Amino acid sequence: DIRTRVLSFDLSFPAILAPVGYSRMMYPGSDGGECAAAAAAGDAGTIYTLSTISGHPLENVRAATKGPAWYQLYLVGGREIAEHAIDRAKKAGFNALVVTIDTPVAGLRERDPRNGMKELLGGSLLSKLPYVSQFFARPSWFASFLLDGGTPPLANIVIPGKGPMPLIDVGAALSRAVVTWEDFRWLRELWPGPIIAKGVLSADDARRAVDHGAAAIVVSNHGGRQLDTVSPTLRVLPEIVAAVGGQTEILLDGGIRRGSDIVKALCLGARAVLVGRA
């Protein structure tokens, strides 16, 4: 029996869908991207976690799944914009708030200079030309992308008086979205349900998260995409379990590729794992 229980939610197996940004751009369509992933998670009997960096309105995503759904929060754009998103998430029926704490700046994605992501999203027509051939290597995706209106704005980062934030602006906005422990106190006043701290890699931060009201923590190194020299999550899991395992629920992500990886995490003390781009 591989069923488990996470924060009072019954799961058919100990794997949760982690927040994955840009899902609608990767899988275009009004029922694609985040909506498709949420529906699949519900059908499989597990939890879907919606990223702040998403192309579908959170209300549509919540309606797409019959299972529990968590909303992952970046403070992109500041507290006012975040508070508006939190209010929407409450009204839509999201069950928990996941606060990512390991993104004080946008990570250096070494593939992006090669694939021209910055130029394709916001550069001049001339700067786009060297990368146009990539689209024709995926004609079906390219057609769906165009039919879906091209690059989707970020439907859940709504700037007062301007509307959804353009995708090209998110990198700069992330650099001004550092989360502090004081923000957890503020979030506790706004959010009535469980708050989960994602991005914990040390026993000290785990204790601080618990002290500031985290109902669960996710031991995560952001897939190694934020800082390339951080420890593997399985390596730091035992010390975190020893520090706070009796006070909060501990989840883990990073490096989960097969069922045996989940077994290892459970044996080392995790309640369940999250899988994102695996």
C-alpha atoms as a PDB file:
ATOM      1  CA  ASP A   1       0.000   0.000   0.000  1.00  0.00           C
ATOM      2  CA  ILE A   2       1.766   3.172  -1.193  1.00  0.00           C
ATOM      3  CA  ARG A   3      -0.940   5.612  -0.146  1.00  0.00           C
ATOM      4  CA  THR A   4       0.080   8.424   2.180  1.00  0.00           C
ATOM      5  CA  ARG A   5      -1.252  11.540   3.863  1.00  0.00           C
ATOM      6  CA  VAL A   6       0.263  15.010   3.545  1.00  0.00           C
ATOM      7  CA  LEU A   7      -1.161  17.920   5.549  1.00  0.00           C
ATOM      8  CA  SER A   8      -4.444  16.017   5.977  1.00  0.00           C
ATOM      9  CA  PHE A   9      -4.703  15.312   2.232  1.00  0.00           C
ATOM     10  CA  ASP A  10      -4.921  11.646   1.250  1.00  0.00           C
ATOM     11  CA  LEU A  11      -2.699  10.751  -1.722  1.00  0.00           C
ATOM     12  CA  SER A  12      -2.741   7.574  -3.789  1.00  0.00           C
ATOM     13  CA  PHE A  13       1.076   7.569  -3.866  1.00  0.00           C
ATOM     14  CA  PRO A  14       3.820   9.703  -2.261  1.00  0.00           C
ATOM     15  CA  ALA A  15       4.588  12.028  -5.186  1.00  0.00           C
ATOM     16  CA  ILE A  16       3.221  15.545  -5.656  1.00  0.00           C
ATOM     17  CA  LEU A  17       3.446  17.701  -8.781  1.00  0.00           C
ATOM     18  CA  ALA A  18       5.883  20.533  -8.061  1.00  0.00           C
ATOM     19  CA  PRO A  19       5.376  24.063  -9.400  1.00  0.00           C
ATOM     20  CA  VAL A  20       6.679  24.350 -12.970  1.00  0.00           C
ATOM     21  CA  GLY A  21       6.862  27.791 -14.534  1.00  0.00           C
ATOM     22  CA  TYR A  22       6.085  28.526 -18.187  1.00  0.00           C
ATOM     23  CA  SER A  23       3.891  25.404 -18.502  1.00  0.00           C
ATOM     24  CA  ARG A  24       1.408  27.033 -20.869  1.00  0.00           C
ATOM     25  CA  MET A  25       4.222  28.111 -23.166  1.00  0.00           C
ATOM     26  CA  MET A  26       5.583  24.551 -23.259  1.00  0.00           C
ATOM     27  CA  TYR A  27       2.132  22.998 -23.749  1.00  0.00           C
ATOM     28  CA  PRO A  28       0.008  25.720 -25.392  1.00  0.00           C
ATOM     29  CA  GLY A  29      -3.769  25.818 -25.457  1.00  0.00           C
ATOM     30  CA  SER A  30      -6.749  26.925 -23.406  1.00  0.00           C
ATOM     31  CA  ASP A  31      -6.861  23.502 -21.758  1.00  0.00           C
ATOM     32  CA  GLY A  32      -3.113  22.816 -21.911  1.00  0.00           C
ATOM     33  CA  GLY A  33      -0.221  23.751 -19.667  1.00  0.00           C
ATOM     34  CA  GLU A  34      -1.151  24.146 -16.031  1.00  0.00           C
ATOM     35  CA  CYS A  35      -4.774  23.098 -16.589  1.00  0.00           C
ATOM     36  CA  ALA A  36      -3.752  19.802 -18.198  1.00  0.00           C
ATOM     37  CA  ALA A  37      -1.222  19.033 -15.467  1.00  0.00           C
ATOM     38  CA  ALA A  38      -3.704  19.858 -12.707  1.00  0.00           C
ATOM     39  CA  ALA A  39      -6.335  17.602 -14.259  1.00  0.00           C
ATOM     40  CA  ALA A  40      -3.822  14.760 -14.555  1.00  0.00           C
ATOM     41  CA  ALA A  41      -2.776  15.155 -10.921  1.00  0.00           C
ATOM     42  CA  GLY A  42      -6.367  14.994  -9.761  1.00  0.00           C
ATOM     43  CA  ASP A  43      -7.044  11.896 -11.851  1.00  0.00           C
ATOM     44  CA  ALA A  44      -3.937  10.247 -10.386  1.00  0.00           C
ATOM     45  CA  GLY A  45      -4.988  11.018  -6.828  1.00  0.00           C
ATOM     46  CA  THR A  46      -2.285  13.503  -5.922  1.00  0.00           C
ATOM     47  CA  ILE A  47      -1.707  17.229  -5.381  1.00  0.00           C
ATOM     48  CA  TYR A  48      -0.973  19.799  -8.082  1.00  0.00           C
ATOM     49  CA  THR A  49       1.123  22.868  -7.211  1.00  0.00           C
ATOM     50  CA  LEU A  50       0.555  25.920  -9.411  1.00  0.00           C
ATOM     51  CA  SER A  51       3.518  28.203 -10.047  1.00  0.00           C
ATOM     52  CA  THR A  52       3.219  31.971  -9.803  1.00  0.00           C
ATOM     53  CA  ILE A  53       4.953  32.004 -13.214  1.00  0.00           C
ATOM     54  CA  SER A  54       1.930  30.560 -14.982  1.00  0.00           C
ATOM     55  CA  GLY A  55      -0.046  31.371 -18.096  1.00  0.00           C
ATOM     56  CA  HIS A  56      -3.502  30.210 -16.992  1.00  0.00           C
ATOM     57  CA  PRO A  57      -5.577  32.108 -14.416  1.00  0.00           C
ATOM     58  CA  LEU A  58      -5.416  30.304 -11.097  1.00  0.00           C
ATOM     59  CA  GLU A  59      -9.212  30.051 -10.998  1.00  0.00           C
ATOM     60  CA  ASN A  60      -9.199  27.984 -14.207  1.00  0.00           C
ATOM     61  CA  VAL A  61      -6.447  25.731 -12.912  1.00  0.00           C
ATOM     62  CA  ARG A  62      -8.231  25.070  -9.630  1.00  0.00           C
ATOM     63  CA  ALA A  63     -11.405  24.186 -11.516  1.00  0.00           C
ATOM     64  CA  ALA A  64      -9.479  21.741 -13.719  1.00  0.00           C
ATOM     65  CA  THR A  65      -8.531  19.348 -10.909  1.00  0.00           C
ATOM     66  CA  LYS A  66     -10.741  17.235  -8.696  1.00  0.00           C
ATOM     67  CA  GLY A  67      -7.925  16.808  -6.177  1.00  0.00           C
ATOM     68  CA  PRO A  68      -6.159  19.169  -3.769  1.00  0.00           C
ATOM     69  CA  ALA A  69      -4.225  22.107  -5.217  1.00  0.00           C
ATOM     70  CA  TRP A  70      -1.495  24.270  -3.723  1.00  0.00           C
ATOM     71  CA  TYR A  71      -0.478  27.742  -4.876  1.00  0.00           C
ATOM     72  CA  GLN A  72       3.241  28.538  -5.030  1.00  0.00           C
ATOM     73  CA  LEU A  73       4.059  32.152  -4.273  1.00  0.00           C
ATOM     74  CA  TYR A  74       6.855  34.440  -5.394  1.00  0.00           C
ATOM     75  CA  LEU A  75       6.661  38.024  -4.162  1.00  0.00           C
ATOM     76  CA  VAL A  76       7.053  39.194  -7.755  1.00  0.00           C
ATOM     77  CA  GLY A  77       5.955  42.801  -8.003  1.00  0.00           C
ATOM     78  CA  GLY A  78       5.843  43.314  -4.243  1.00  0.00           C
ATOM     79  CA  ARG A  79       3.395  42.662  -1.453  1.00  0.00           C
ATOM     80  CA  GLU A  80       0.418  44.423  -3.051  1.00  0.00           C
ATOM     81  CA  ILE A  81       0.458  42.172  -6.111  1.00  0.00           C
ATOM     82  CA  ALA A  82       1.121  39.085  -3.981  1.00  0.00           C
ATOM     83  CA  GLU A  83      -1.757  39.939  -1.655  1.00  0.00           C
ATOM     84  CA  HIS A  84      -4.123  40.166  -4.621  1.00  0.00           C
ATOM     85  CA  ALA A  85      -3.003  36.726  -5.833  1.00  0.00           C
ATOM     86  CA  ILE A  86      -3.381  35.252  -2.342  1.00  0.00           C
ATOM     87  CA  ASP A  87      -6.927  36.596  -2.111  1.00  0.00           C
ATOM     88  CA  ARG A  88      -7.759  35.041  -5.478  1.00  0.00           C
ATOM     89  CA  ALA A  89      -6.227  31.730  -4.397  1.00  0.00           C
ATOM     90  CA  LYS A  90      -8.335  31.694  -1.221  1.00  0.00           C
ATOM     91  CA  LYS A  91     -11.534  32.383  -3.145  1.00  0.00           C
ATOM     92  CA  ALA A  92     -10.675  29.758  -5.775  1.00  0.00           C
ATOM     93  CA  GLY A  93     -10.252  27.075  -3.115  1.00  0.00           C
ATOM     94  CA  PHE A  94      -6.526  26.395  -3.083  1.00  0.00           C
ATOM     95  CA  ASN A  95      -5.638  24.277  -0.078  1.00  0.00           C
ATOM     96  CA  ALA A  96      -2.136  25.468   0.855  1.00  0.00           C
ATOM     97  CA  LEU A  97       0.374  28.214   0.091  1.00  0.00           C
ATOM     98  CA  VAL A  98       3.900  27.216  -0.961  1.00  0.00           C
ATOM     99  CA  VAL A  99       6.450  29.993  -0.406  1.00  0.00           C
ATOM    100  CA  THR A 100       9.676  29.568  -2.373  1.00  0.00           C
ATOM    101  CA  ILE A 101      12.606  30.980  -0.409  1.00  0.00           C
ATOM    102  CA  ASP A 102      15.592  30.055  -2.611  1.00  0.00           C
ATOM    103  CA  THR A 103      15.195  32.592  -5.417  1.00  0.00           C
ATOM    104  CA  PRO A 104      16.691  35.928  -4.329  1.00  0.00           C
ATOM    105  CA  VAL A 105      17.756  36.358  -7.965  1.00  0.00           C
ATOM    106  CA  ALA A 106      16.908  34.558 -11.181  1.00  0.00           C
ATOM    107  CA  GLY A 107      19.306  31.646 -11.610  1.00  0.00           C
ATOM    108  CA  LEU A 108      21.885  31.501 -14.378  1.00  0.00           C
ATOM    109  CA  ARG A 109      20.327  29.151 -16.914  1.00  0.00           C
ATOM    110  CA  GLU A 110      23.300  28.181 -19.038  1.00  0.00           C
ATOM    111  CA  ARG A 111      21.135  26.852 -21.855  1.00  0.00           C
ATOM    112  CA  ASP A 112      19.332  30.146 -22.320  1.00  0.00           C
ATOM    113  CA  PRO A 113      22.195  32.090 -23.954  1.00  0.00           C
ATOM    114  CA  ARG A 114      22.496  29.207 -26.424  1.00  0.00           C
ATOM    115  CA  ASN A 115      18.802  28.858 -27.186  1.00  0.00           C
ATOM    116  CA  GLY A 116      18.191  32.613 -27.337  1.00  0.00           C
ATOM    117  CA  MET A 117      15.370  32.723 -24.812  1.00  0.00           C
ATOM    118  CA  LYS A 118      15.983  36.359 -23.870  1.00  0.00           C
ATOM    119  CA  GLU A 119      16.170  37.464 -27.493  1.00  0.00           C
ATOM    120  CA  LEU A 120      13.108  35.463 -28.523  1.00  0.00           C
ATOM    121  CA  LEU A 121      10.988  36.835 -25.696  1.00  0.00           C
ATOM    122  CA  GLY A 122      11.953  40.475 -25.885  1.00  0.00           C
ATOM    123  CA  GLY A 123      14.678  41.245 -28.375  1.00  0.00           C
ATOM    124  CA  SER A 124      14.520  43.005 -31.721  1.00  0.00           C
ATOM    125  CA  LEU A 125      13.531  41.169 -34.889  1.00  0.00           C
ATOM    126  CA  LEU A 126      17.167  41.118 -35.985  1.00  0.00           C
ATOM    127  CA  SER A 127      18.309  39.544 -32.705  1.00  0.00           C
ATOM    128  CA  LYS A 128      15.682  36.803 -33.084  1.00  0.00           C
ATOM    129  CA  LEU A 129      16.825  35.662 -36.537  1.00  0.00           C
ATOM    130  CA  PRO A 130      19.667  33.311 -35.420  1.00  0.00           C
ATOM    131  CA  TYR A 131      17.197  31.301 -33.338  1.00  0.00           C
ATOM    132  CA  VAL A 132      14.167  31.099 -35.648  1.00  0.00           C
ATOM    133  CA  SER A 133      15.174  27.684 -37.004  1.00  0.00           C
ATOM    134  CA  GLN A 134      14.350  26.158 -33.600  1.00  0.00           C
ATOM    135  CA  PHE A 135      10.658  26.776 -34.198  1.00  0.00           C
ATOM    136  CA  PHE A 136      10.625  24.801 -37.415  1.00  0.00           C
ATOM    137  CA  ALA A 137      12.160  21.799 -35.661  1.00  0.00           C
ATOM    138  CA  ARG A 138       8.887  21.563 -33.678  1.00  0.00           C
ATOM    139  CA  PRO A 139       6.180  22.508 -36.202  1.00  0.00           C
ATOM    140  CA  SER A 140       3.264  21.060 -34.214  1.00  0.00           C
ATOM    141  CA  TRP A 141       4.257  22.933 -31.069  1.00  0.00           C
ATOM    142  CA  PHE A 142       4.903  26.127 -33.043  1.00  0.00           C
ATOM    143  CA  ALA A 143       1.440  25.980 -34.614  1.00  0.00           C
ATOM    144  CA  SER A 144      -0.182  25.447 -31.209  1.00  0.00           C
ATOM    145  CA  PHE A 145       1.896  28.280 -29.762  1.00  0.00           C
ATOM    146  CA  LEU A 146       0.714  30.706 -32.448  1.00  0.00           C
ATOM    147  CA  LEU A 147      -2.920  29.589 -32.174  1.00  0.00           C
ATOM    148  CA  ASP A 148      -2.738  30.179 -28.419  1.00  0.00           C
ATOM    149  CA  GLY A 149      -1.689  33.781 -28.994  1.00  0.00           C
ATOM    150  CA  GLY A 150       2.069  33.394 -28.671  1.00  0.00           C
ATOM    151  CA  THR A 151       3.905  34.046 -25.421  1.00  0.00           C
ATOM    152  CA  PRO A 152       1.267  34.134 -22.658  1.00  0.00           C
ATOM    153  CA  PRO A 153       1.303  36.928 -20.086  1.00  0.00           C
ATOM    154  CA  LEU A 154       1.547  35.893 -16.438  1.00  0.00           C
ATOM    155  CA  ALA A 155      -2.121  35.699 -15.538  1.00  0.00           C
ATOM    156  CA  ASN A 156      -1.536  35.533 -11.786  1.00  0.00           C
ATOM    157  CA  ILE A 157       0.851  38.483 -11.483  1.00  0.00           C
ATOM    158  CA  VAL A 158      -1.546  41.346 -12.112  1.00  0.00           C
ATOM    159  CA  ILE A 159      -0.050  44.843 -12.005  1.00  0.00           C
ATOM    160  CA  PRO A 160      -2.599  47.463 -10.857  1.00  0.00           C
ATOM    161  CA  GLY A 161      -3.690  49.618 -13.763  1.00  0.00           C
ATOM    162  CA  LYS A 162      -1.660  47.589 -16.273  1.00  0.00           C
ATOM    163  CA  GLY A 163      -2.864  43.991 -16.191  1.00  0.00           C
ATOM    164  CA  PRO A 164      -0.866  40.733 -16.260  1.00  0.00           C
ATOM    165  CA  MET A 165       2.918  41.027 -16.202  1.00  0.00           C
ATOM    166  CA  PRO A 166       4.651  40.217 -19.521  1.00  0.00           C
ATOM    167  CA  LEU A 167       6.854  37.145 -19.343  1.00  0.00           C
ATOM    168  CA  ILE A 168       9.951  39.103 -20.392  1.00  0.00           C
ATOM    169  CA  ASP A 169       9.724  41.214 -17.202  1.00  0.00           C
ATOM    170  CA  VAL A 170       9.721  38.363 -14.702  1.00  0.00           C
ATOM    171  CA  GLY A 171      13.516  37.990 -14.372  1.00  0.00           C
ATOM    172  CA  ALA A 172      14.012  41.571 -13.219  1.00  0.00           C
ATOM    173  CA  ALA A 173      10.957  41.339 -10.971  1.00  0.00           C
ATOM    174  CA  LEU A 174      12.309  38.207  -9.275  1.00  0.00           C
ATOM    175  CA  SER A 175      15.466  40.071  -8.294  1.00  0.00           C
ATOM    176  CA  ARG A 176      13.272  42.433  -6.264  1.00  0.00           C
ATOM    177  CA  ALA A 177      11.206  39.630  -4.730  1.00  0.00           C
ATOM    178  CA  VAL A 178      13.448  38.391  -1.923  1.00  0.00           C
ATOM    179  CA  VAL A 179      11.470  36.563   0.781  1.00  0.00           C
ATOM    180  CA  THR A 180      12.425  37.138   4.419  1.00  0.00           C
ATOM    181  CA  TRP A 181      11.208  35.504   7.609  1.00  0.00           C
ATOM    182  CA  GLU A 182       9.252  38.690   8.328  1.00  0.00           C
ATOM    183  CA  ASP A 183       7.251  37.967   5.185  1.00  0.00           C
ATOM    184  CA  PHE A 184       6.139  34.688   6.749  1.00  0.00           C
ATOM    185  CA  ARG A 185       4.534  36.612   9.625  1.00  0.00           C
ATOM    186  CA  TRP A 186       2.748  38.826   7.112  1.00  0.00           C
ATOM    187  CA  LEU A 187       1.604  35.828   5.067  1.00  0.00           C
ATOM    188  CA  ARG A 188       0.323  34.088   8.187  1.00  0.00           C
ATOM    189  CA  GLU A 189      -2.080  37.006   8.693  1.00  0.00           C
ATOM    190  CA  LEU A 190      -3.371  36.735   5.121  1.00  0.00           C
ATOM    191  CA  TRP A 191      -3.558  32.990   4.589  1.00  0.00           C
ATOM    192  CA  PRO A 192      -5.766  30.844   6.850  1.00  0.00           C
ATOM    193  CA  GLY A 193      -4.514  27.470   5.635  1.00  0.00           C
ATOM    194  CA  PRO A 194      -1.160  25.662   5.732  1.00  0.00           C
ATOM    195  CA  ILE A 195       1.977  27.518   4.624  1.00  0.00           C
ATOM    196  CA  ILE A 196       4.838  25.455   3.192  1.00  0.00           C
ATOM    197  CA  ALA A 197       8.435  26.716   2.985  1.00  0.00           C
ATOM    198  CA  LYS A 198      10.105  25.458  -0.198  1.00  0.00           C
ATOM    199  CA  GLY A 199      13.859  25.668  -0.702  1.00  0.00           C
ATOM    200  CA  VAL A 200      15.167  24.601   2.709  1.00  0.00           C
ATOM    201  CA  LEU A 201      18.672  23.073   2.677  1.00  0.00           C
ATOM    202  CA  SER A 202      19.872  23.333   6.270  1.00  0.00           C
ATOM    203  CA  ALA A 203      18.703  22.384   9.736  1.00  0.00           C
ATOM    204  CA  ASP A 204      18.971  26.036  10.797  1.00  0.00           C
ATOM    205  CA  ASP A 205      16.597  27.248   8.088  1.00  0.00           C
ATOM    206  CA  ALA A 206      14.277  24.337   8.835  1.00  0.00           C
ATOM    207  CA  ARG A 207      14.037  25.444  12.475  1.00  0.00           C
ATOM    208  CA  ARG A 208      13.410  29.040  11.410  1.00  0.00           C
ATOM    209  CA  ALA A 209      10.661  27.944   9.042  1.00  0.00           C
ATOM    210  CA  VAL A 210       8.949  26.024  11.832  1.00  0.00           C
ATOM    211  CA  ASP A 211       9.348  28.968  14.227  1.00  0.00           C
ATOM    212  CA  HIS A 212       7.651  31.204  11.660  1.00  0.00           C
ATOM    213  CA  GLY A 213       4.637  28.953  11.222  1.00  0.00           C
ATOM    214  CA  ALA A 214       5.478  26.616   8.351  1.00  0.00           C
ATOM    215  CA  ALA A 215       3.193  23.580   8.474  1.00  0.00           C
ATOM    216  CA  ALA A 216       5.590  21.729   6.165  1.00  0.00           C
ATOM    217  CA  ILE A 217       8.928  22.280   4.489  1.00  0.00           C
ATOM    218  CA  VAL A 218      10.239  21.165   1.126  1.00  0.00           C
ATOM    219  CA  VAL A 219      13.901  20.209   1.160  1.00  0.00           C
ATOM    220  CA  SER A 220      14.793  21.565  -2.273  1.00  0.00           C
ATOM    221  CA  ASN A 221      17.755  22.926  -4.227  1.00  0.00           C
ATOM    222  CA  HIS A 222      15.550  24.155  -7.084  1.00  0.00           C
ATOM    223  CA  GLY A 223      16.807  21.330  -9.259  1.00  0.00           C
ATOM    224  CA  GLY A 224      20.338  22.712  -8.966  1.00  0.00           C
ATOM    225  CA  ARG A 225      19.263  25.591 -11.204  1.00  0.00           C
ATOM    226  CA  GLN A 226      19.695  28.405  -8.690  1.00  0.00           C
ATOM    227  CA  LEU A 227      23.202  27.647  -7.416  1.00  0.00           C
ATOM    228  CA  ASP A 228      25.293  24.889  -8.943  1.00  0.00           C
ATOM    229  CA  THR A 229      27.365  24.119  -5.837  1.00  0.00           C
ATOM    230  CA  VAL A 230      24.547  23.352  -3.395  1.00  0.00           C
ATOM    231  CA  SER A 231      24.242  19.948  -1.745  1.00  0.00           C
ATOM    232  CA  PRO A 232      22.008  17.237  -3.194  1.00  0.00           C
ATOM    233  CA  THR A 233      18.737  17.214  -1.292  1.00  0.00           C
ATOM    234  CA  LEU A 234      19.047  13.575  -0.219  1.00  0.00           C
ATOM    235  CA  ARG A 235      22.367  14.412   1.434  1.00  0.00           C
ATOM    236  CA  VAL A 236      20.927  17.134   3.683  1.00  0.00           C
ATOM    237  CA  LEU A 237      17.595  15.423   4.355  1.00  0.00           C
ATOM    238  CA  PRO A 238      18.727  13.385   7.419  1.00  0.00           C
ATOM    239  CA  GLU A 239      20.001  16.427   9.353  1.00  0.00           C
ATOM    240  CA  ILE A 240      16.768  18.296   8.652  1.00  0.00           C
ATOM    241  CA  VAL A 241      14.653  15.329   9.735  1.00  0.00           C
ATOM    242  CA  ALA A 242      16.705  15.114  12.936  1.00  0.00           C
ATOM    243  CA  ALA A 243      16.175  18.826  13.602  1.00  0.00           C
ATOM    244  CA  VAL A 244      12.449  19.275  12.935  1.00  0.00           C
ATOM    245  CA  GLY A 245      11.003  15.924  11.928  1.00  0.00           C
ATOM    246  CA  GLY A 246       8.828  15.784  15.020  1.00  0.00           C
ATOM    247  CA  GLN A 247       7.476  19.313  14.530  1.00  0.00           C
ATOM    248  CA  THR A 248       6.543  19.591  10.864  1.00  0.00           C
ATOM    249  CA  GLU A 249       5.998  17.505   7.759  1.00  0.00           C
ATOM    250  CA  ILE A 250       9.046  17.164   5.531  1.00  0.00           C
ATOM    251  CA  LEU A 251       8.866  16.822   1.761  1.00  0.00           C
ATOM    252  CA  LEU A 252      11.719  16.632  -0.748  1.00  0.00           C
ATOM    253  CA  ASP A 253      12.335  17.447  -4.368  1.00  0.00           C
ATOM    254  CA  GLY A 254      15.311  17.404  -6.722  1.00  0.00           C
ATOM    255  CA  GLY A 255      16.761  14.419  -8.536  1.00  0.00           C
ATOM    256  CA  ILE A 256      13.628  12.271  -8.405  1.00  0.00           C
ATOM    257  CA  ARG A 257      13.703  10.242 -11.612  1.00  0.00           C
ATOM    258  CA  ARG A 258      12.155   6.873 -10.706  1.00  0.00           C
ATOM    259  CA  GLY A 259      10.274   5.034  -8.008  1.00  0.00           C
ATOM    260  CA  SER A 260      13.423   3.882  -6.251  1.00  0.00           C
ATOM    261  CA  ASP A 261      14.385   7.529  -5.719  1.00  0.00           C
ATOM    262  CA  ILE A 262      11.090   8.051  -3.892  1.00  0.00           C
ATOM    263  CA  VAL A 263      11.776   5.001  -1.718  1.00  0.00           C
ATOM    264  CA  LYS A 264      15.174   6.425  -0.730  1.00  0.00           C
ATOM    265  CA  ALA A 265      13.619   9.745   0.260  1.00  0.00           C
ATOM    266  CA  LEU A 266      10.946   8.027   2.342  1.00  0.00           C
ATOM    267  CA  CYS A 267      13.546   5.848   4.068  1.00  0.00           C
ATOM    268  CA  LEU A 268      15.504   8.968   5.020  1.00  0.00           C
ATOM    269  CA  GLY A 269      12.460  10.575   6.597  1.00  0.00           C
ATOM    270  CA  ALA A 270      10.505  12.452   3.917  1.00  0.00           C
ATOM    271  CA  ARG A 271       6.722  12.158   3.952  1.00  0.00           C
ATOM    272  CA  ALA A 272       6.528  12.462   0.151  1.00  0.00           C
ATOM    273  CA  VAL A 273       8.423  13.962  -2.792  1.00  0.00           C
ATOM    274  CA  LEU A 274       7.698  16.616  -5.382  1.00  0.00           C
ATOM    275  CA  VAL A 275       8.501  16.124  -9.058  1.00  0.00           C
ATOM    276  CA  GLY A 276       8.725  18.969 -11.540  1.00  0.00           C
ATOM    277  CA  ARG A 277      10.631  18.780 -14.800  1.00  0.00           C
ATOM    278  CA  ALA A 278      11.516  15.102 -14.320  1.00  0.00           C
END
